[in-house]
Amino acid sequence: MFIIASDHGGLELKDAIKSFLEGRNIEVRDLGTMNSDSVDYPDYAERLALALTRGEAENGILICGTGIGMSITANKFPGIRAALITDDFTARMSKEHNNANVIVMGGRVLKPEEACEMVKAWLEADFEGGRHQNRLDKISRIEQKIRDGEL
């Protein structure tokens, strides 16, 4: 199952990606927004990040106007590795090298067809482990030091 959320700037792209995933028989939980009324992106990034940290799903997709605000917010949460993707290459690398559990896109930057291809690239990629796992372990240690008040 995937969790997906957007602000008003990402609504159209969110709906296209949701349809794309459902068309591939992937269950999608939509955390909103559900209309084009102006909302604050941190609220939706927080909803998604909390759901993932609670184990309600393993992966998520966030969309705002540029993807920048959602990326910044989601990455404040321990265990969230949110990657702002801009093309098929960054989508694939976010999984292969960073094991991103959240991908973030810009609704005002990408066309729905492009975004769906990027999601496809991410879905089909596999985490390579090895030296990349060592780097993720370092990130986890930094997160732990922050939680412990050491940083």
N, C-alpha and C. Protein backbone atom coordinates (compact mmCIF):
# COMPACT_ATOMS: atom_id res chain seq x y z
N MET A 1 0.84 -1.19 0.00
CA MET A 1 0.00 0.00 0.00
C MET A 1 0.88 1.25 0.00
N PHE A 2 0.42 2.25 -0.69
CA PHE A 2 1.06 3.55 -0.72
C PHE A 2 0.17 4.57 -0.03
N ILE A 3 0.81 5.55 0.58
CA ILE A 3 0.09 6.70 1.10
C ILE A 3 0.48 7.88 0.23
N ILE A 4 -0.48 8.69 -0.13
CA ILE A 4 -0.24 9.83 -1.00
C ILE A 4 -0.91 11.06 -0.40
N ALA A 5 -0.28 12.20 -0.57
CA ALA A 5 -0.86 13.45 -0.06
C ALA A 5 -0.32 14.62 -0.89
N SER A 6 -1.10 15.67 -0.94
CA SER A 6 -0.68 16.87 -1.65
C SER A 6 -1.32 18.09 -1.03
N ASP A 7 -0.78 19.24 -1.38
CA ASP A 7 -1.49 20.48 -1.10
C ASP A 7 -2.25 20.84 -2.38
N HIS A 8 -2.83 22.03 -2.40
CA HIS A 8 -3.62 22.45 -3.56
C HIS A 8 -2.78 22.53 -4.83
N GLY A 9 -1.51 22.86 -4.71
CA GLY A 9 -0.63 22.96 -5.87
C GLY A 9 -0.28 21.62 -6.50
N GLY A 10 -0.53 20.55 -5.77
CA GLY A 10 -0.22 19.22 -6.27
C GLY A 10 -1.42 18.34 -6.50
N LEU A 11 -2.62 18.91 -6.32
CA LEU A 11 -3.85 18.12 -6.39
C LEU A 11 -4.00 17.38 -7.71
N GLU A 12 -3.86 18.07 -8.82
CA GLU A 12 -4.07 17.43 -10.12
C GLU A 12 -3.07 16.29 -10.35
N LEU A 13 -1.82 16.53 -9.99
CA LEU A 13 -0.80 15.50 -10.15
C LEU A 13 -1.06 14.33 -9.21
N LYS A 14 -1.48 14.63 -7.99
CA LYS A 14 -1.78 13.57 -7.02
C LYS A 14 -2.87 12.65 -7.58
N ASP A 15 -3.93 13.23 -8.10
CA ASP A 15 -5.03 12.43 -8.63
C ASP A 15 -4.58 11.57 -9.80
N ALA A 16 -3.70 12.10 -10.66
CA ALA A 16 -3.18 11.33 -11.80
C ALA A 16 -2.32 10.17 -11.31
N ILE A 17 -1.46 10.41 -10.34
CA ILE A 17 -0.59 9.36 -9.82
C ILE A 17 -1.41 8.30 -9.09
N LYS A 18 -2.38 8.74 -8.34
CA LYS A 18 -3.26 7.80 -7.64
C LYS A 18 -3.95 6.87 -8.65
N SER A 19 -4.47 7.42 -9.71
CA SER A 19 -5.12 6.60 -10.75
C SER A 19 -4.12 5.64 -11.39
N PHE A 20 -2.91 6.14 -11.64
CA PHE A 20 -1.85 5.31 -12.22
C PHE A 20 -1.56 4.11 -11.32
N LEU A 21 -1.39 4.35 -10.03
CA LEU A 21 -1.09 3.26 -9.09
C LEU A 21 -2.25 2.28 -8.98
N GLU A 22 -3.44 2.80 -8.86
CA GLU A 22 -4.61 1.92 -8.76
C GLU A 22 -4.77 1.09 -10.04
N GLY A 23 -4.39 1.66 -11.17
CA GLY A 23 -4.42 0.92 -12.43
C GLY A 23 -3.43 -0.23 -12.46
N ARG A 24 -2.44 -0.17 -11.59
CA ARG A 24 -1.45 -1.25 -11.43
C ARG A 24 -1.80 -2.15 -10.25
N ASN A 25 -3.03 -2.04 -9.78
CA ASN A 25 -3.54 -2.83 -8.65
C ASN A 25 -2.76 -2.60 -7.36
N ILE A 26 -2.33 -1.35 -7.16
CA ILE A 26 -1.64 -0.96 -5.94
C ILE A 26 -2.63 -0.16 -5.10
N GLU A 27 -2.82 -0.60 -3.87
CA GLU A 27 -3.73 0.11 -2.96
C GLU A 27 -3.13 1.46 -2.59
N VAL A 28 -3.97 2.49 -2.61
CA VAL A 28 -3.52 3.85 -2.31
C VAL A 28 -4.43 4.45 -1.24
N ARG A 29 -3.80 4.97 -0.20
CA ARG A 29 -4.54 5.72 0.82
C ARG A 29 -4.25 7.19 0.60
N ASP A 30 -5.29 7.95 0.32
CA ASP A 30 -5.18 9.36 -0.02
C ASP A 30 -5.46 10.21 1.22
N LEU A 31 -4.45 10.95 1.66
CA LEU A 31 -4.59 11.79 2.85
C LEU A 31 -4.98 13.23 2.52
N GLY A 32 -5.30 13.49 1.25
CA GLY A 32 -5.74 14.82 0.87
C GLY A 32 -4.61 15.61 0.26
N THR A 33 -4.92 16.78 -0.05
CA THR A 33 -6.16 17.53 -0.01
C THR A 33 -7.10 17.02 -1.10
N MET A 34 -8.37 17.32 -0.95
CA MET A 34 -9.36 16.78 -1.87
C MET A 34 -9.96 17.83 -2.80
N ASN A 35 -9.54 19.08 -2.64
CA ASN A 35 -10.06 20.14 -3.52
C ASN A 35 -8.97 21.20 -3.71
N SER A 36 -9.27 22.19 -4.51
CA SER A 36 -8.25 23.19 -4.87
C SER A 36 -8.18 24.38 -3.91
N ASP A 37 -8.88 24.32 -2.78
CA ASP A 37 -8.77 25.38 -1.79
C ASP A 37 -7.35 25.44 -1.24
N SER A 38 -6.85 26.63 -1.00
CA SER A 38 -5.49 26.80 -0.50
C SER A 38 -5.32 26.15 0.88
N VAL A 39 -4.27 25.33 1.00
CA VAL A 39 -3.94 24.67 2.27
C VAL A 39 -2.44 24.80 2.49
N ASP A 40 -1.99 24.41 3.66
CA ASP A 40 -0.58 24.51 4.02
C ASP A 40 0.11 23.16 3.85
N TYR A 41 1.12 23.10 3.00
CA TYR A 41 1.80 21.84 2.70
C TYR A 41 2.38 21.13 3.92
N PRO A 42 2.87 21.83 4.97
CA PRO A 42 3.42 21.09 6.11
C PRO A 42 2.40 20.16 6.78
N ASP A 43 1.13 20.56 6.76
CA ASP A 43 0.10 19.71 7.38
C ASP A 43 0.00 18.36 6.69
N TYR A 44 0.12 18.35 5.38
CA TYR A 44 -0.03 17.11 4.62
C TYR A 44 1.24 16.27 4.65
N ALA A 45 2.39 16.91 4.65
CA ALA A 45 3.65 16.18 4.81
C ALA A 45 3.70 15.52 6.18
N GLU A 46 3.24 16.23 7.20
CA GLU A 46 3.22 15.66 8.55
C GLU A 46 2.30 14.45 8.62
N ARG A 47 1.11 14.55 8.05
CA ARG A 47 0.18 13.42 8.06
C ARG A 47 0.82 12.17 7.46
N LEU A 48 1.44 12.37 6.30
CA LEU A 48 2.04 11.23 5.62
C LEU A 48 3.23 10.67 6.41
N ALA A 49 4.11 11.54 6.87
CA ALA A 49 5.30 11.08 7.61
C ALA A 49 4.91 10.35 8.88
N LEU A 50 3.93 10.86 9.59
CA LEU A 50 3.48 10.17 10.81
C LEU A 50 2.89 8.81 10.50
N ALA A 51 2.12 8.71 9.44
CA ALA A 51 1.54 7.43 9.06
C ALA A 51 2.64 6.41 8.74
N LEU A 52 3.68 6.85 8.05
CA LEU A 52 4.78 5.94 7.73
C LEU A 52 5.55 5.55 8.98
N THR A 53 5.82 6.50 9.86
CA THR A 53 6.57 6.17 11.08
C THR A 53 5.77 5.25 12.00
N ARG A 54 4.45 5.27 11.89
CA ARG A 54 3.59 4.35 12.67
C ARG A 54 3.48 2.98 12.02
N GLY A 55 4.05 2.83 10.83
CA GLY A 55 4.00 1.55 10.15
C GLY A 55 2.72 1.29 9.37
N GLU A 56 1.97 2.34 9.08
CA GLU A 56 0.71 2.17 8.35
C GLU A 56 0.93 1.86 6.88
N ALA A 57 2.10 2.14 6.38
CA ALA A 57 2.53 1.81 5.03
C ALA A 57 4.04 1.92 5.00
N GLU A 58 4.65 1.42 3.94
CA GLU A 58 6.10 1.49 3.82
C GLU A 58 6.57 2.63 2.94
N ASN A 59 5.70 3.10 2.04
CA ASN A 59 6.11 4.10 1.06
C ASN A 59 5.05 5.18 0.91
N GLY A 60 5.51 6.37 0.51
CA GLY A 60 4.60 7.47 0.31
C GLY A 60 5.02 8.37 -0.83
N ILE A 61 4.06 9.14 -1.29
CA ILE A 61 4.29 10.12 -2.34
C ILE A 61 3.69 11.44 -1.90
N LEU A 62 4.48 12.50 -1.96
CA LEU A 62 4.03 13.84 -1.60
C LEU A 62 4.16 14.76 -2.81
N ILE A 63 3.18 15.65 -2.96
CA ILE A 63 3.21 16.59 -4.07
C ILE A 63 2.76 17.96 -3.57
N CYS A 64 3.56 18.98 -3.86
CA CYS A 64 3.15 20.36 -3.66
C CYS A 64 3.51 21.11 -4.94
N GLY A 65 3.50 22.41 -4.94
CA GLY A 65 3.76 23.15 -6.16
C GLY A 65 5.10 22.82 -6.79
N THR A 66 6.17 22.85 -5.99
CA THR A 66 7.51 22.54 -6.50
C THR A 66 8.07 21.24 -5.93
N GLY A 67 7.53 20.76 -4.84
CA GLY A 67 8.05 19.60 -4.14
C GLY A 67 9.05 19.96 -3.07
N ILE A 68 9.51 21.19 -3.07
CA ILE A 68 10.56 21.60 -2.13
C ILE A 68 10.03 21.64 -0.69
N GLY A 69 8.91 22.31 -0.48
CA GLY A 69 8.37 22.43 0.87
C GLY A 69 8.01 21.09 1.49
N MET A 70 7.42 20.21 0.70
CA MET A 70 7.07 18.88 1.19
C MET A 70 8.33 18.10 1.56
N SER A 71 9.39 18.22 0.74
CA SER A 71 10.65 17.53 1.02
C SER A 71 11.25 17.99 2.34
N ILE A 72 11.30 19.29 2.52
CA ILE A 72 11.87 19.85 3.74
C ILE A 72 11.11 19.35 4.96
N THR A 73 9.78 19.40 4.89
CA THR A 73 8.96 19.00 6.03
C THR A 73 9.09 17.52 6.33
N ALA A 74 8.93 16.69 5.32
CA ALA A 74 8.94 15.23 5.54
C ALA A 74 10.27 14.77 6.12
N ASN A 75 11.36 15.38 5.68
CA ASN A 75 12.67 14.95 6.16
C ASN A 75 12.98 15.37 7.59
N LYS A 76 12.08 16.07 8.24
CA LYS A 76 12.24 16.38 9.66
C LYS A 76 11.92 15.17 10.54
N PHE A 77 11.28 14.16 9.97
CA PHE A 77 10.82 13.01 10.73
C PHE A 77 11.84 11.89 10.67
N PRO A 78 12.25 11.35 11.84
CA PRO A 78 13.20 10.24 11.85
C PRO A 78 12.67 9.07 11.02
N GLY A 79 13.57 8.49 10.24
CA GLY A 79 13.20 7.33 9.45
C GLY A 79 12.60 7.65 8.10
N ILE A 80 12.31 8.91 7.87
CA ILE A 80 11.77 9.31 6.57
C ILE A 80 12.94 9.72 5.68
N ARG A 81 12.98 9.13 4.51
CA ARG A 81 13.98 9.48 3.50
C ARG A 81 13.19 9.96 2.28
N ALA A 82 12.87 11.23 2.28
CA ALA A 82 12.06 11.82 1.21
C ALA A 82 12.98 12.42 0.16
N ALA A 83 12.78 11.99 -1.07
CA ALA A 83 13.63 12.46 -2.17
C ALA A 83 12.79 13.24 -3.17
N LEU A 84 13.22 14.46 -3.44
CA LEU A 84 12.60 15.27 -4.48
C LEU A 84 13.12 14.75 -5.81
N ILE A 85 12.21 14.20 -6.62
CA ILE A 85 12.62 13.64 -7.90
C ILE A 85 12.17 14.56 -9.03
N THR A 86 12.98 14.60 -10.06
CA THR A 86 12.71 15.52 -11.17
C THR A 86 12.67 14.85 -12.53
N ASP A 87 13.09 13.58 -12.57
CA ASP A 87 13.10 12.84 -13.83
C ASP A 87 13.23 11.35 -13.49
N ASP A 88 13.25 10.51 -14.53
CA ASP A 88 13.35 9.07 -14.31
C ASP A 88 14.65 8.69 -13.59
N PHE A 89 15.74 9.36 -13.95
CA PHE A 89 17.03 9.05 -13.34
C PHE A 89 17.02 9.32 -11.84
N THR A 90 16.55 10.50 -11.42
CA THR A 90 16.54 10.79 -9.98
C THR A 90 15.54 9.89 -9.26
N ALA A 91 14.48 9.51 -9.92
CA ALA A 91 13.52 8.57 -9.32
C ALA A 91 14.20 7.23 -9.04
N ARG A 92 14.87 6.71 -10.04
CA ARG A 92 15.54 5.42 -9.90
C ARG A 92 16.66 5.49 -8.86
N MET A 93 17.48 6.54 -8.92
CA MET A 93 18.59 6.66 -7.97
C MET A 93 18.11 6.83 -6.53
N SER A 94 16.96 7.49 -6.37
CA SER A 94 16.44 7.68 -5.01
C SER A 94 16.15 6.34 -4.34
N LYS A 95 15.80 5.33 -5.13
CA LYS A 95 15.57 4.00 -4.58
C LYS A 95 16.87 3.20 -4.53
N GLU A 96 17.61 3.17 -5.65
CA GLU A 96 18.79 2.32 -5.73
C GLU A 96 19.88 2.72 -4.74
N HIS A 97 20.09 4.02 -4.56
CA HIS A 97 21.19 4.48 -3.71
C HIS A 97 20.73 4.98 -2.34
N ASN A 98 19.53 5.52 -2.24
CA ASN A 98 19.09 6.13 -0.98
C ASN A 98 17.94 5.40 -0.31
N ASN A 99 17.40 4.39 -0.98
CA ASN A 99 16.25 3.64 -0.47
C ASN A 99 15.17 4.58 0.04
N ALA A 100 14.88 5.60 -0.75
CA ALA A 100 13.87 6.59 -0.37
C ALA A 100 12.53 5.89 -0.11
N ASN A 101 11.93 6.22 1.01
CA ASN A 101 10.60 5.66 1.29
C ASN A 101 9.50 6.66 0.97
N VAL A 102 9.89 7.84 0.57
CA VAL A 102 8.95 8.87 0.11
C VAL A 102 9.56 9.54 -1.12
N ILE A 103 8.77 9.66 -2.17
CA ILE A 103 9.20 10.48 -3.29
C ILE A 103 8.32 11.72 -3.31
N VAL A 104 8.92 12.81 -3.73
CA VAL A 104 8.26 14.11 -3.71
C VAL A 104 8.38 14.72 -5.10
N MET A 105 7.27 15.33 -5.54
CA MET A 105 7.25 15.92 -6.87
C MET A 105 6.55 17.27 -6.84
N GLY A 106 6.80 18.04 -7.89
CA GLY A 106 6.19 19.36 -8.03
C GLY A 106 5.03 19.33 -9.00
N GLY A 107 3.86 19.63 -8.51
CA GLY A 107 2.67 19.66 -9.35
C GLY A 107 2.67 20.79 -10.37
N ARG A 108 3.43 21.83 -10.10
CA ARG A 108 3.51 22.95 -11.04
C ARG A 108 4.74 22.85 -11.93
N VAL A 109 5.46 21.74 -11.79
CA VAL A 109 6.70 21.53 -12.51
C VAL A 109 6.57 20.40 -13.53
N LEU A 110 5.80 19.38 -13.18
CA LEU A 110 5.72 18.17 -13.99
C LEU A 110 4.34 17.99 -14.62
N LYS A 111 4.35 17.36 -15.77
CA LYS A 111 3.12 16.93 -16.42
C LYS A 111 2.73 15.58 -15.83
N PRO A 112 1.45 15.27 -15.77
CA PRO A 112 1.02 13.98 -15.20
C PRO A 112 1.71 12.77 -15.84
N GLU A 113 1.87 12.78 -17.16
CA GLU A 113 2.50 11.64 -17.83
C GLU A 113 3.95 11.46 -17.37
N GLU A 114 4.67 12.57 -17.22
CA GLU A 114 6.05 12.52 -16.75
C GLU A 114 6.10 11.96 -15.34
N ALA A 115 5.23 12.45 -14.48
CA ALA A 115 5.22 12.02 -13.09
C ALA A 115 4.93 10.53 -12.97
N CYS A 116 3.99 10.04 -13.75
CA CYS A 116 3.65 8.62 -13.70
C CYS A 116 4.83 7.77 -14.17
N GLU A 117 5.56 8.22 -15.17
CA GLU A 117 6.75 7.50 -15.62
C GLU A 117 7.82 7.48 -14.52
N MET A 118 7.93 8.58 -13.79
CA MET A 118 8.89 8.65 -12.70
C MET A 118 8.50 7.69 -11.57
N VAL A 119 7.22 7.63 -11.26
CA VAL A 119 6.74 6.69 -10.25
C VAL A 119 7.03 5.26 -10.69
N LYS A 120 6.81 4.98 -11.96
CA LYS A 120 7.09 3.65 -12.51
C LYS A 120 8.56 3.31 -12.36
N ALA A 121 9.45 4.24 -12.68
CA ALA A 121 10.89 4.02 -12.54
C ALA A 121 11.25 3.72 -11.09
N TRP A 122 10.64 4.44 -10.17
CA TRP A 122 10.90 4.23 -8.74
C TRP A 122 10.39 2.86 -8.29
N LEU A 123 9.20 2.50 -8.73
CA LEU A 123 8.62 1.20 -8.36
C LEU A 123 9.48 0.04 -8.86
N GLU A 124 10.05 0.20 -10.04
CA GLU A 124 10.79 -0.89 -10.66
C GLU A 124 12.24 -0.97 -10.19
N ALA A 125 12.71 0.03 -9.49
CA ALA A 125 14.09 0.05 -9.00
C ALA A 125 14.18 -0.75 -7.70
N ASP A 126 15.38 -1.25 -7.43
CA ASP A 126 15.66 -1.98 -6.19
C ASP A 126 16.83 -1.31 -5.47
N PHE A 127 16.74 -1.28 -4.15
CA PHE A 127 17.82 -0.75 -3.34
C PHE A 127 19.04 -1.65 -3.51
N GLU A 128 20.21 -1.05 -3.77
CA GLU A 128 21.42 -1.80 -4.04
C GLU A 128 22.15 -2.25 -2.78
N GLY A 129 21.87 -1.66 -1.63
CA GLY A 129 22.53 -2.06 -0.39
C GLY A 129 24.01 -1.73 -0.42
N GLY A 130 24.82 -2.59 0.21
CA GLY A 130 26.28 -2.41 0.21
C GLY A 130 26.71 -1.08 0.76
N ARG A 131 27.54 -0.38 0.02
CA ARG A 131 28.06 0.92 0.47
C ARG A 131 26.93 1.91 0.71
N HIS A 132 25.82 1.73 -0.02
CA HIS A 132 24.68 2.64 0.16
C HIS A 132 24.00 2.39 1.51
N GLN A 133 23.96 1.12 1.95
CA GLN A 133 23.40 0.82 3.27
C GLN A 133 24.27 1.44 4.36
N ASN A 134 25.57 1.39 4.18
CA ASN A 134 26.48 2.01 5.16
C ASN A 134 26.17 3.49 5.33
N ARG A 135 25.86 4.16 4.23
CA ARG A 135 25.55 5.59 4.28
C ARG A 135 24.21 5.83 4.97
N LEU A 136 23.24 4.97 4.70
CA LEU A 136 21.95 5.10 5.39
C LEU A 136 22.11 4.84 6.88
N ASP A 137 22.97 3.91 7.24
CA ASP A 137 23.24 3.65 8.66
C ASP A 137 23.82 4.89 9.33
N LYS A 138 24.67 5.62 8.62
CA LYS A 138 25.21 6.87 9.18
C LYS A 138 24.10 7.89 9.41
N ILE A 139 23.17 7.97 8.48
CA ILE A 139 22.02 8.88 8.66
C ILE A 139 21.22 8.47 9.89
N SER A 140 21.00 7.18 10.06
CA SER A 140 20.25 6.69 11.23
C SER A 140 20.97 7.04 12.52
N ARG A 141 22.30 6.94 12.52
CA ARG A 141 23.05 7.30 13.73
C ARG A 141 22.94 8.79 14.03
N ILE A 142 22.93 9.62 12.99
CA ILE A 142 22.74 11.06 13.19
C ILE A 142 21.36 11.31 13.79
N GLU A 143 20.34 10.65 13.25
CA GLU A 143 18.98 10.82 13.79
C GLU A 143 18.92 10.41 15.26
N GLN A 144 19.62 9.33 15.60
CA GLN A 144 19.63 8.87 16.99
C GLN A 144 20.33 9.87 17.89
N LYS A 145 21.43 10.45 17.43
CA LYS A 145 22.12 11.45 18.23
C LYS A 145 21.24 12.67 18.47
N ILE A 146 20.47 13.04 17.48
CA ILE A 146 19.54 14.16 17.64
C ILE A 146 18.49 13.81 18.69
N ARG A 147 17.92 12.61 18.59
CA ARG A 147 16.90 12.17 19.58
C ARG A 147 17.47 12.12 20.99
N ASP A 148 18.75 11.72 21.08
CA ASP A 148 19.40 11.61 22.39
C ASP A 148 19.93 12.93 22.91
N GLY A 149 19.77 14.00 22.13
CA GLY A 149 20.25 15.31 22.54
C GLY A 149 21.75 15.50 22.41
N GLU A 150 22.41 14.64 21.67
CA GLU A 150 23.86 14.74 21.50
C GLU A 150 24.25 15.73 20.41
N LEU A 151 23.30 16.08 19.57
CA LEU A 151 23.56 17.06 18.51
C LEU A 151 22.56 18.20 18.60
